[in-house]
């Protein structure tokens, strides 16, 4: 008997691979914004961190859109399992850039 540990693992991996390709420019912008605020002088840090946070929010919102587009095709209980698998994989791969997804962890 074969047990599938992660029902959505392959699907989510492919979705995140595609996301990484499609959003390469935005992800590069996030890397640049992170480097800018972490390397900034004290007086510039707050403004540059705000710029970084805007990019983080944009990445998170786009990940959310990818997740919800597929989840909408599933039955409610299956969609909840898919969302958990997607969030776990996105947070592992994109770390703080996917923090937008963490907001729904308590749902």
PDB file of N, CA and C in Angstrom:
ATOM      1  N   UNK A   1       0.838  -1.169   0.000  1.00  0.00           N
ATOM      2  CA  UNK A   1       0.000   0.000   0.000  1.00  0.00           C
ATOM      3  C   UNK A   1       0.892   1.245   0.000  1.00  0.00           C
ATOM      4  N   UNK A   2       0.600   2.173  -0.885  1.00  0.00           N
ATOM      5  CA  UNK A   2       1.368   3.410  -0.994  1.00  0.00           C
ATOM      6  C   UNK A   2       0.603   4.535  -0.299  1.00  0.00           C
ATOM      7  N   UNK A   3       1.303   5.209   0.611  1.00  0.00           N
ATOM      8  CA  UNK A   3       0.707   6.357   1.287  1.00  0.00           C
ATOM      9  C   UNK A   3       1.309   7.628   0.722  1.00  0.00           C
ATOM     10  N   UNK A   4       0.447   8.562   0.416  1.00  0.00           N
ATOM     11  CA  UNK A   4       0.923   9.841  -0.112  1.00  0.00           C
ATOM     12  C   UNK A   4       1.029  10.810   1.041  1.00  0.00           C
ATOM     13  N   UNK A   5       2.234  11.151   1.404  1.00  0.00           N
ATOM     14  CA  UNK A   5       2.473  12.044   2.525  1.00  0.00           C
ATOM     15  C   UNK A   5       1.957  13.432   2.229  1.00  0.00           C
ATOM     16  N   UNK A   6       2.205  13.896   1.031  1.00  0.00           N
ATOM     17  CA  UNK A   6       1.802  15.255   0.684  1.00  0.00           C
ATOM     18  C   UNK A   6       1.040  15.217  -0.630  1.00  0.00           C
ATOM     19  N   UNK A   7      -0.250  15.220  -0.548  1.00  0.00           N
ATOM     20  CA  UNK A   7      -1.128  15.103  -1.699  1.00  0.00           C
ATOM     21  C   UNK A   7      -0.875  16.181  -2.748  1.00  0.00           C
ATOM     22  N   UNK A   8      -0.522  17.373  -2.300  1.00  0.00           N
ATOM     23  CA  UNK A   8      -0.381  18.506  -3.211  1.00  0.00           C
ATOM     24  C   UNK A   8       1.068  18.900  -3.472  1.00  0.00           C
ATOM     25  N   UNK A   9       2.019  18.134  -2.966  1.00  0.00           N
ATOM     26  CA  UNK A   9       3.432  18.505  -3.055  1.00  0.00           C
ATOM     27  C   UNK A   9       3.913  18.817  -4.460  1.00  0.00           C
ATOM     28  N   UNK A  10       3.671  17.912  -5.400  1.00  0.00           N
ATOM     29  CA  UNK A  10       4.154  18.113  -6.767  1.00  0.00           C
ATOM     30  C   UNK A  10       3.475  19.313  -7.428  1.00  0.00           C
ATOM     31  N   UNK A  11       2.178  19.422  -7.243  1.00  0.00           N
ATOM     32  CA  UNK A  11       1.428  20.542  -7.809  1.00  0.00           C
ATOM     33  C   UNK A  11       1.953  21.876  -7.279  1.00  0.00           C
ATOM     34  N   UNK A  12       2.087  21.979  -5.973  1.00  0.00           N
ATOM     35  CA  UNK A  12       2.546  23.233  -5.368  1.00  0.00           C
ATOM     36  C   UNK A  12       3.959  23.555  -5.814  1.00  0.00           C
ATOM     37  N   UNK A  13       4.820  22.564  -5.880  1.00  0.00           N
ATOM     38  CA  UNK A  13       6.198  22.779  -6.350  1.00  0.00           C
ATOM     39  C   UNK A  13       6.195  23.381  -7.759  1.00  0.00           C
ATOM     40  N   UNK A  14       5.365  22.812  -8.633  1.00  0.00           N
ATOM     41  CA  UNK A  14       5.287  23.324 -10.003  1.00  0.00           C
ATOM     42  C   UNK A  14       4.701  24.732 -10.035  1.00  0.00           C
ATOM     43  N   UNK A  15       3.696  24.982  -9.204  1.00  0.00           N
ATOM     44  CA  UNK A  15       3.116  26.330  -9.143  1.00  0.00           C
ATOM     45  C   UNK A  15       4.160  27.347  -8.682  1.00  0.00           C
ATOM     46  N   UNK A  16       4.938  26.986  -7.678  1.00  0.00           N
ATOM     47  CA  UNK A  16       5.953  27.908  -7.165  1.00  0.00           C
ATOM     48  C   UNK A  16       7.116  28.078  -8.142  1.00  0.00           C
ATOM     49  N   UNK A  17       7.457  27.027  -8.869  1.00  0.00           N
ATOM     50  CA  UNK A  17       8.475  27.149  -9.918  1.00  0.00           C
ATOM     51  C   UNK A  17       8.013  28.150 -10.984  1.00  0.00           C
ATOM     52  N   UNK A  18       6.776  28.002 -11.395  1.00  0.00           N
ATOM     53  CA  UNK A  18       6.208  28.909 -12.397  1.00  0.00           C
ATOM     54  C   UNK A  18       6.136  30.334 -11.853  1.00  0.00           C
ATOM     55  N   UNK A  19       5.726  30.482 -10.610  1.00  0.00           N
ATOM     56  CA  UNK A  19       5.670  31.791  -9.970  1.00  0.00           C
ATOM     57  C   UNK A  19       7.053  32.442  -9.981  1.00  0.00           C
ATOM     58  N   UNK A  20       8.065  31.664  -9.621  1.00  0.00           N
ATOM     59  CA  UNK A  20       9.435  32.180  -9.568  1.00  0.00           C
ATOM     60  C   UNK A  20       9.905  32.659 -10.942  1.00  0.00           C
ATOM     61  N   UNK A  21       9.504  31.959 -11.986  1.00  0.00           N
ATOM     62  CA  UNK A  21       9.858  32.365 -13.346  1.00  0.00           C
ATOM     63  C   UNK A  21       9.067  33.601 -13.773  1.00  0.00           C
ATOM     64  N   UNK A  22       7.764  33.544 -13.567  1.00  0.00           N
ATOM     65  CA  UNK A  22       6.896  34.652 -13.988  1.00  0.00           C
ATOM     66  C   UNK A  22       7.173  35.935 -13.221  1.00  0.00           C
ATOM     67  N   UNK A  23       7.537  35.818 -11.970  1.00  0.00           N
ATOM     68  CA  UNK A  23       7.724  36.986 -11.104  1.00  0.00           C
ATOM     69  C   UNK A  23       9.204  37.257 -10.799  1.00  0.00           C
ATOM     70  N   UNK A  24      10.084  36.817 -11.686  1.00  0.00           N
ATOM     71  CA  UNK A  24      11.527  36.975 -11.464  1.00  0.00           C
ATOM     72  C   UNK A  24      11.905  38.439 -11.244  1.00  0.00           C
ATOM     73  N   UNK A  25      11.292  39.332 -11.989  1.00  0.00           N
ATOM     74  CA  UNK A  25      11.592  40.755 -11.852  1.00  0.00           C
ATOM     75  C   UNK A  25      11.192  41.274 -10.469  1.00  0.00           C
ATOM     76  N   UNK A  26      10.022  40.893 -10.005  1.00  0.00           N
ATOM     77  CA  UNK A  26       9.546  41.326  -8.689  1.00  0.00           C
ATOM     78  C   UNK A  26      10.416  40.721  -7.584  1.00  0.00           C
ATOM     79  N   UNK A  27      10.800  39.475  -7.725  1.00  0.00           N
ATOM     80  CA  UNK A  27      11.657  38.836  -6.727  1.00  0.00           C
ATOM     81  C   UNK A  27      13.040  39.486  -6.691  1.00  0.00           C
ATOM     82  N   UNK A  28      13.555  39.876  -7.849  1.00  0.00           N
ATOM     83  CA  UNK A  28      14.832  40.598  -7.897  1.00  0.00           C
ATOM     84  C   UNK A  28      14.696  41.965  -7.232  1.00  0.00           C
ATOM     85  N   UNK A  29      13.567  42.619  -7.461  1.00  0.00           N
ATOM     86  CA  UNK A  29      13.298  43.908  -6.818  1.00  0.00           C
ATOM     87  C   UNK A  29      13.275  43.743  -5.292  1.00  0.00           C
ATOM     88  N   UNK A  30      12.700  42.655  -4.818  1.00  0.00           N
ATOM     89  CA  UNK A  30      12.660  42.385  -3.381  1.00  0.00           C
ATOM     90  C   UNK A  30      14.069  42.200  -2.828  1.00  0.00           C
ATOM     91  N   UNK A  31      14.912  41.468  -3.545  1.00  0.00           N
ATOM     92  CA  UNK A  31      16.305  41.280  -3.117  1.00  0.00           C
ATOM     93  C   UNK A  31      17.036  42.612  -3.050  1.00  0.00           C
ATOM     94  N   UNK A  32      16.831  43.449  -4.058  1.00  0.00           N
ATOM     95  CA  UNK A  32      17.482  44.761  -4.093  1.00  0.00           C
ATOM     96  C   UNK A  32      16.986  45.656  -2.961  1.00  0.00           C
ATOM     97  N   UNK A  33      15.672  45.637  -2.711  1.00  0.00           N
ATOM     98  CA  UNK A  33      15.105  46.461  -1.639  1.00  0.00           C
ATOM     99  C   UNK A  33      15.609  45.989  -0.277  1.00  0.00           C
ATOM    100  N   UNK A  34      15.743  44.676  -0.111  1.00  0.00           N
ATOM    101  CA  UNK A  34      16.260  44.130   1.141  1.00  0.00           C
ATOM    102  C   UNK A  34      17.707  44.577   1.349  1.00  0.00           C
ATOM    103  N   UNK A  35      18.507  44.466   0.309  1.00  0.00           N
ATOM    104  CA  UNK A  35      19.907  44.882   0.412  1.00  0.00           C
ATOM    105  C   UNK A  35      20.014  46.381   0.687  1.00  0.00           C
ATOM    106  N   UNK A  36      19.136  47.170   0.091  1.00  0.00           N
ATOM    107  CA  UNK A  36      19.174  48.623   0.277  1.00  0.00           C
ATOM    108  C   UNK A  36      18.887  49.008   1.718  1.00  0.00           C
ATOM    109  N   UNK A  37      17.844  48.435   2.313  1.00  0.00           N
ATOM    110  CA  UNK A  37      17.509  48.864   3.674  1.00  0.00           C
ATOM    111  C   UNK A  37      18.453  48.277   4.713  1.00  0.00           C
ATOM    112  N   UNK A  38      18.953  47.063   4.487  1.00  0.00           N
ATOM    113  CA  UNK A  38      19.863  46.479   5.482  1.00  0.00           C
ATOM    114  C   UNK A  38      21.245  47.114   5.431  1.00  0.00           C
ATOM    115  N   UNK A  39      21.578  47.703   4.295  1.00  0.00           N
ATOM    116  CA  UNK A  39      22.880  48.353   4.178  1.00  0.00           C
ATOM    117  C   UNK A  39      22.826  49.864   4.305  1.00  0.00           C
ATOM    118  N   UNK A  40      21.684  50.392   4.675  1.00  0.00           N
ATOM    119  CA  UNK A  40      21.493  51.850   4.702  1.00  0.00           C
ATOM    120  C   UNK A  40      22.015  52.469   5.997  1.00  0.00           C
ATOM    121  N   UNK A  41      22.265  53.756   5.903  1.00  0.00           N
ATOM    122  CA  UNK A  41      22.594  54.537   7.094  1.00  0.00           C
ATOM    123  C   UNK A  41      21.364  54.605   7.986  1.00  0.00           C
ATOM    124  N   UNK A  42      21.589  54.839   9.246  1.00  0.00           N
ATOM    125  CA  UNK A  42      20.505  54.868  10.225  1.00  0.00           C
ATOM    126  C   UNK A  42      19.367  55.796   9.812  1.00  0.00           C
ATOM    127  N   UNK A  43      19.678  56.972   9.286  1.00  0.00           N
ATOM    128  CA  UNK A  43      18.633  57.944   8.938  1.00  0.00           C
ATOM    129  C   UNK A  43      17.799  57.522   7.722  1.00  0.00           C
ATOM    130  N   UNK A  44      18.307  56.617   6.911  1.00  0.00           N
ATOM    131  CA  UNK A  44      17.578  56.165   5.716  1.00  0.00           C
ATOM    132  C   UNK A  44      16.863  54.828   5.908  1.00  0.00           C
ATOM    133  N   UNK A  45      17.167  54.155   6.992  1.00  0.00           N
ATOM    134  CA  UNK A  45      16.666  52.800   7.195  1.00  0.00           C
ATOM    135  C   UNK A  45      15.146  52.718   7.188  1.00  0.00           C
ATOM    136  N   UNK A  46      14.481  53.603   7.905  1.00  0.00           N
ATOM    137  CA  UNK A  46      13.032  53.517   8.033  1.00  0.00           C
ATOM    138  C   UNK A  46      12.333  53.645   6.679  1.00  0.00           C
ATOM    139  N   UNK A  47      12.738  54.625   5.887  1.00  0.00           N
ATOM    140  CA  UNK A  47      12.112  54.816   4.572  1.00  0.00           C
ATOM    141  C   UNK A  47      12.393  53.634   3.652  1.00  0.00           C
ATOM    142  N   UNK A  48      13.619  53.154   3.648  1.00  0.00           N
ATOM    143  CA  UNK A  48      13.976  52.033   2.782  1.00  0.00           C
ATOM    144  C   UNK A  48      13.309  50.732   3.227  1.00  0.00           C
ATOM    145  N   UNK A  49      13.119  50.581   4.539  1.00  0.00           N
ATOM    146  CA  UNK A  49      12.393  49.406   5.016  1.00  0.00           C
ATOM    147  C   UNK A  49      10.936  49.471   4.538  1.00  0.00           C
ATOM    148  N   UNK A  50      10.357  50.657   4.542  1.00  0.00           N
ATOM    149  CA  UNK A  50       8.997  50.829   4.025  1.00  0.00           C
ATOM    150  C   UNK A  50       8.908  50.423   2.562  1.00  0.00           C
ATOM    151  N   UNK A  51       9.914  50.809   1.784  1.00  0.00           N
ATOM    152  CA  UNK A  51       9.954  50.418   0.370  1.00  0.00           C
ATOM    153  C   UNK A  51      10.048  48.896   0.235  1.00  0.00           C
ATOM    154  N   UNK A  52      10.885  48.297   1.065  1.00  0.00           N
ATOM    155  CA  UNK A  52      11.036  46.837   1.061  1.00  0.00           C
ATOM    156  C   UNK A  52       9.708  46.171   1.413  1.00  0.00           C
ATOM    157  N   UNK A  53       9.028  46.692   2.426  1.00  0.00           N
ATOM    158  CA  UNK A  53       7.766  46.091   2.866  1.00  0.00           C
ATOM    159  C   UNK A  53       6.704  46.162   1.771  1.00  0.00           C
ATOM    160  N   UNK A  54       6.711  47.215   0.975  1.00  0.00           N
ATOM    161  CA  UNK A  54       5.766  47.308  -0.146  1.00  0.00           C
ATOM    162  C   UNK A  54       5.996  46.185  -1.154  1.00  0.00           C
ATOM    163  N   UNK A  55       7.254  45.880  -1.422  1.00  0.00           N
ATOM    164  CA  UNK A  55       7.577  44.794  -2.353  1.00  0.00           C
ATOM    165  C   UNK A  55       7.205  43.447  -1.741  1.00  0.00           C
ATOM    166  N   UNK A  56       7.478  43.272  -0.448  1.00  0.00           N
ATOM    167  CA  UNK A  56       7.106  42.031   0.241  1.00  0.00           C
ATOM    168  C   UNK A  56       5.596  41.820   0.147  1.00  0.00           C
ATOM    169  N   UNK A  57       4.841  42.884   0.369  1.00  0.00           N
ATOM    170  CA  UNK A  57       3.380  42.786   0.270  1.00  0.00           C
ATOM    171  C   UNK A  57       2.936  42.406  -1.140  1.00  0.00           C
ATOM    172  N   UNK A  58       3.586  42.969  -2.146  1.00  0.00           N
ATOM    173  CA  UNK A  58       3.238  42.652  -3.536  1.00  0.00           C
ATOM    174  C   UNK A  58       3.503  41.179  -3.839  1.00  0.00           C
ATOM    175  N   UNK A  59       4.647  40.666  -3.382  1.00  0.00           N
ATOM    176  CA  UNK A  59       4.961  39.244  -3.584  1.00  0.00           C
ATOM    177  C   UNK A  59       3.918  38.385  -2.879  1.00  0.00           C
ATOM    178  N   UNK A  60       3.614  38.713  -1.637  1.00  0.00           N
ATOM    179  CA  UNK A  60       2.633  37.945  -0.869  1.00  0.00           C
ATOM    180  C   UNK A  60       1.262  37.950  -1.506  1.00  0.00           C
ATOM    181  N   UNK A  61       0.852  39.088  -1.988  1.00  0.00           N
ATOM    182  CA  UNK A  61      -0.459  39.179  -2.642  1.00  0.00           C
ATOM    183  C   UNK A  61      -0.511  38.339  -3.906  1.00  0.00           C
ATOM    184  N   UNK A  62       0.575  38.323  -4.645  1.00  0.00           N
ATOM    185  CA  UNK A  62       0.591  37.504  -5.868  1.00  0.00           C
ATOM    186  C   UNK A  62       0.600  36.019  -5.550  1.00  0.00           C
ATOM    187  N   UNK A  63       1.322  35.636  -4.502  1.00  0.00           N
ATOM    188  CA  UNK A  63       1.281  34.237  -4.060  1.00  0.00           C
ATOM    189  C   UNK A  63      -0.133  33.870  -3.613  1.00  0.00           C
ATOM    190  N   UNK A  64      -0.766  34.760  -2.896  1.00  0.00           N
ATOM    191  CA  UNK A  64      -2.142  34.549  -2.448  1.00  0.00           C
ATOM    192  C   UNK A  64      -3.070  34.346  -3.645  1.00  0.00           C
ATOM    193  N   UNK A  65      -2.897  35.168  -4.672  1.00  0.00           N
ATOM    194  CA  UNK A  65      -3.731  35.043  -5.874  1.00  0.00           C
ATOM    195  C   UNK A  65      -3.548  33.689  -6.556  1.00  0.00           C
ATOM    196  N   UNK A  66      -2.292  33.230  -6.637  1.00  0.00           N
ATOM    197  CA  UNK A  66      -2.022  31.911  -7.227  1.00  0.00           C
ATOM    198  C   UNK A  66      -2.728  30.835  -6.406  1.00  0.00           C
ATOM    199  N   UNK A  67      -2.563  30.920  -5.094  1.00  0.00           N
ATOM    200  CA  UNK A  67      -3.166  29.931  -4.208  1.00  0.00           C
ATOM    201  C   UNK A  67      -4.689  29.915  -4.329  1.00  0.00           C
ATOM    202  N   UNK A  68      -5.285  31.075  -4.289  1.00  0.00           N
ATOM    203  CA  UNK A  68      -6.738  31.154  -4.293  1.00  0.00           C
ATOM    204  C   UNK A  68      -7.349  30.800  -5.649  1.00  0.00           C
ATOM    205  N   UNK A  69      -6.638  31.052  -6.722  1.00  0.00           N
ATOM    206  CA  UNK A  69      -7.147  30.683  -8.050  1.00  0.00           C
ATOM    207  C   UNK A  69      -7.343  29.173  -8.134  1.00  0.00           C
ATOM    208  N   UNK A  70      -6.392  28.417  -7.592  1.00  0.00           N
ATOM    209  CA  UNK A  70      -6.539  26.963  -7.624  1.00  0.00           C
ATOM    210  C   UNK A  70      -7.502  26.478  -6.550  1.00  0.00           C
ATOM    211  N   UNK A  71      -7.414  27.045  -5.367  1.00  0.00           N
ATOM    212  CA  UNK A  71      -8.281  26.621  -4.261  1.00  0.00           C
ATOM    213  C   UNK A  71      -9.754  26.779  -4.622  1.00  0.00           C
ATOM    214  N   UNK A  72     -10.069  27.773  -5.438  1.00  0.00           N
ATOM    215  CA  UNK A  72     -11.460  28.014  -5.831  1.00  0.00           C
ATOM    216  C   UNK A  72     -12.037  26.861  -6.658  1.00  0.00           C
ATOM    217  N   UNK A  73     -11.189  26.018  -7.200  1.00  0.00           N
ATOM    218  CA  UNK A  73     -11.659  24.891  -8.019  1.00  0.00           C
ATOM    219  C   UNK A  73     -11.907  23.638  -7.188  1.00  0.00           C
ATOM    220  N   UNK A  74     -11.610  23.708  -5.886  1.00  0.00           N
ATOM    221  CA  UNK A  74     -11.687  22.533  -5.020  1.00  0.00           C
ATOM    222  C   UNK A  74     -12.868  22.619  -4.054  1.00  0.00           C
ATOM    223  N   UNK A  75     -13.258  21.475  -3.556  1.00  0.00           N
ATOM    224  CA  UNK A  75     -14.264  21.433  -2.491  1.00  0.00           C
ATOM    225  C   UNK A  75     -13.642  22.040  -1.234  1.00  0.00           C
ATOM    226  N   UNK A  76     -14.473  22.570  -0.370  1.00  0.00           N
ATOM    227  CA  UNK A  76     -14.000  23.344   0.785  1.00  0.00           C
ATOM    228  C   UNK A  76     -12.969  22.614   1.650  1.00  0.00           C
ATOM    229  N   UNK A  77     -13.225  21.362   2.018  1.00  0.00           N
ATOM    230  CA  UNK A  77     -12.293  20.644   2.886  1.00  0.00           C
ATOM    231  C   UNK A  77     -10.974  20.329   2.178  1.00  0.00           C
ATOM    232  N   UNK A  78     -11.037  20.030   0.903  1.00  0.00           N
ATOM    233  CA  UNK A  78      -9.833  19.763   0.117  1.00  0.00           C
ATOM    234  C   UNK A  78      -9.064  21.067  -0.101  1.00  0.00           C
ATOM    235  N   UNK A  79      -9.785  22.151  -0.327  1.00  0.00           N
ATOM    236  CA  UNK A  79      -9.152  23.464  -0.510  1.00  0.00           C
ATOM    237  C   UNK A  79      -8.363  23.866   0.730  1.00  0.00           C
ATOM    238  N   UNK A  80      -8.882  23.578   1.899  1.00  0.00           N
ATOM    239  CA  UNK A  80      -8.177  23.910   3.143  1.00  0.00           C
ATOM    240  C   UNK A  80      -6.852  23.149   3.233  1.00  0.00           C
ATOM    241  N   UNK A  81      -6.856  21.890   2.843  1.00  0.00           N
ATOM    242  CA  UNK A  81      -5.621  21.092   2.850  1.00  0.00           C
ATOM    243  C   UNK A  81      -4.633  21.619   1.824  1.00  0.00           C
ATOM    244  N   UNK A  82      -5.138  21.970   0.656  1.00  0.00           N
ATOM    245  CA  UNK A  82      -4.279  22.540  -0.389  1.00  0.00           C
ATOM    246  C   UNK A  82      -3.653  23.850   0.093  1.00  0.00           C
ATOM    247  N   UNK A  83      -4.474  24.719   0.694  1.00  0.00           N
ATOM    248  CA  UNK A  83      -3.956  26.009   1.180  1.00  0.00           C
ATOM    249  C   UNK A  83      -2.832  25.795   2.197  1.00  0.00           C
ATOM    250  N   UNK A  84      -3.008  24.852   3.097  1.00  0.00           N
ATOM    251  CA  UNK A  84      -1.957  24.576   4.084  1.00  0.00           C
ATOM    252  C   UNK A  84      -0.681  24.098   3.400  1.00  0.00           C
ATOM    253  N   UNK A  85      -0.820  23.210   2.421  1.00  0.00           N
ATOM    254  CA  UNK A  85       0.357  22.709   1.696  1.00  0.00           C
ATOM    255  C   UNK A  85       1.035  23.838   0.929  1.00  0.00           C
ATOM    256  N   UNK A  86       0.238  24.676   0.274  1.00  0.00           N
ATOM    257  CA  UNK A  86       0.788  25.791  -0.491  1.00  0.00           C
ATOM    258  C   UNK A  86       1.511  26.764   0.430  1.00  0.00           C
ATOM    259  N   UNK A  87       0.856  27.143   1.518  1.00  0.00           N
ATOM    260  CA  UNK A  87       1.460  28.105   2.457  1.00  0.00           C
ATOM    261  C   UNK A  87       2.771  27.571   3.013  1.00  0.00           C
ATOM    262  N   UNK A  88       2.771  26.316   3.430  1.00  0.00           N
ATOM    263  CA  UNK A  88       3.977  25.700   3.993  1.00  0.00           C
ATOM    264  C   UNK A  88       5.126  25.749   2.980  1.00  0.00           C
ATOM    265  N   UNK A  89       4.846  25.370   1.737  1.00  0.00           N
ATOM    266  CA  UNK A  89       5.893  25.349   0.708  1.00  0.00           C
ATOM    267  C   UNK A  89       6.343  26.757   0.325  1.00  0.00           C
ATOM    268  N   UNK A  90       5.400  27.681   0.213  1.00  0.00           N
ATOM    269  CA  UNK A  90       5.750  29.060  -0.161  1.00  0.00           C
ATOM    270  C   UNK A  90       6.577  29.723   0.932  1.00  0.00           C
ATOM    271  N   UNK A  91       6.204  29.503   2.187  1.00  0.00           N
ATOM    272  CA  UNK A  91       6.968  30.084   3.297  1.00  0.00           C
ATOM    273  C   UNK A  91       8.363  29.475   3.370  1.00  0.00           C
ATOM    274  N   UNK A  92       8.479  28.201   3.085  1.00  0.00           N
ATOM    275  CA  UNK A  92       9.796  27.555   3.089  1.00  0.00           C
ATOM    276  C   UNK A  92      10.667  28.111   1.966  1.00  0.00           C
ATOM    277  N   UNK A  93      10.091  28.273   0.783  1.00  0.00           N
ATOM    278  CA  UNK A  93      10.870  28.714  -0.369  1.00  0.00           C
ATOM    279  C   UNK A  93      11.164  30.214  -0.352  1.00  0.00           C
ATOM    280  N   UNK A  94      10.155  31.008  -0.026  1.00  0.00           N
ATOM    281  CA  UNK A  94      10.295  32.462  -0.145  1.00  0.00           C
ATOM    282  C   UNK A  94      10.436  33.184   1.194  1.00  0.00           C
ATOM    283  N   UNK A  95      10.375  32.456   2.281  1.00  0.00           N
ATOM    284  CA  UNK A  95      10.556  32.967   3.639  1.00  0.00           C
ATOM    285  C   UNK A  95       9.730  34.221   3.903  1.00  0.00           C
ATOM    286  N   UNK A  96      10.369  35.315   4.278  1.00  0.00           N
ATOM    287  CA  UNK A  96       9.644  36.540   4.636  1.00  0.00           C
ATOM    288  C   UNK A  96       8.844  37.128   3.482  1.00  0.00           C
ATOM    289  N   UNK A  97       9.227  36.816   2.254  1.00  0.00           N
ATOM    290  CA  UNK A  97       8.476  37.341   1.114  1.00  0.00           C
ATOM    291  C   UNK A  97       7.074  36.757   1.049  1.00  0.00           C
ATOM    292  N   UNK A  98       6.875  35.631   1.706  1.00  0.00           N
ATOM    293  CA  UNK A  98       5.554  34.988   1.713  1.00  0.00           C
ATOM    294  C   UNK A  98       4.833  35.211   3.038  1.00  0.00           C
ATOM    295  N   UNK A  99       5.319  36.131   3.847  1.00  0.00           N
ATOM    296  CA  UNK A  99       4.725  36.351   5.167  1.00  0.00           C
ATOM    297  C   UNK A  99       3.254  36.747   5.101  1.00  0.00           C
ATOM    298  N   UNK A 100       2.820  37.300   3.978  1.00  0.00           N
ATOM    299  CA  UNK A 100       1.416  37.642   3.759  1.00  0.00           C
ATOM    300  C   UNK A 100       0.531  36.416   3.983  1.00  0.00           C
ATOM    301  N   UNK A 101       1.031  35.245   3.630  1.00  0.00           N
ATOM    302  CA  UNK A 101       0.265  34.008   3.780  1.00  0.00           C
ATOM    303  C   UNK A 101       0.135  33.587   5.241  1.00  0.00           C
ATOM    304  N   UNK A 102       1.070  34.020   6.073  1.00  0.00           N
ATOM    305  CA  UNK A 102       1.037  33.683   7.494  1.00  0.00           C
ATOM    306  C   UNK A 102      -0.184  34.267   8.184  1.00  0.00           C
ATOM    307  N   UNK A 103      -0.710  35.355   7.673  1.00  0.00           N
ATOM    308  CA  UNK A 103      -1.854  36.018   8.296  1.00  0.00           C
ATOM    309  C   UNK A 103      -3.047  35.094   8.398  1.00  0.00           C
ATOM    310  N   UNK A 104      -3.181  34.150   7.488  1.00  0.00           N
ATOM    311  CA  UNK A 104      -4.318  33.248   7.485  1.00  0.00           C
ATOM    312  C   UNK A 104      -4.085  31.934   8.204  1.00  0.00           C
ATOM    313  N   UNK A 105      -2.952  31.768   8.878  1.00  0.00           N
ATOM    314  CA  UNK A 105      -2.632  30.506   9.533  1.00  0.00           C
ATOM    315  C   UNK A 105      -3.598  30.139  10.642  1.00  0.00           C
ATOM    316  N   UNK A 106      -4.214  31.131  11.263  1.00  0.00           N
ATOM    317  CA  UNK A 106      -5.116  30.860  12.375  1.00  0.00           C
ATOM    318  C   UNK A 106      -6.528  30.543  11.926  1.00  0.00           C
ATOM    319  N   UNK A 107      -6.808  30.610  10.634  1.00  0.00           N
ATOM    320  CA  UNK A 107      -8.164  30.375  10.128  1.00  0.00           C
ATOM    321  C   UNK A 107      -8.554  28.932  10.254  1.00  0.00           C
TER     322      UNK A 107
END
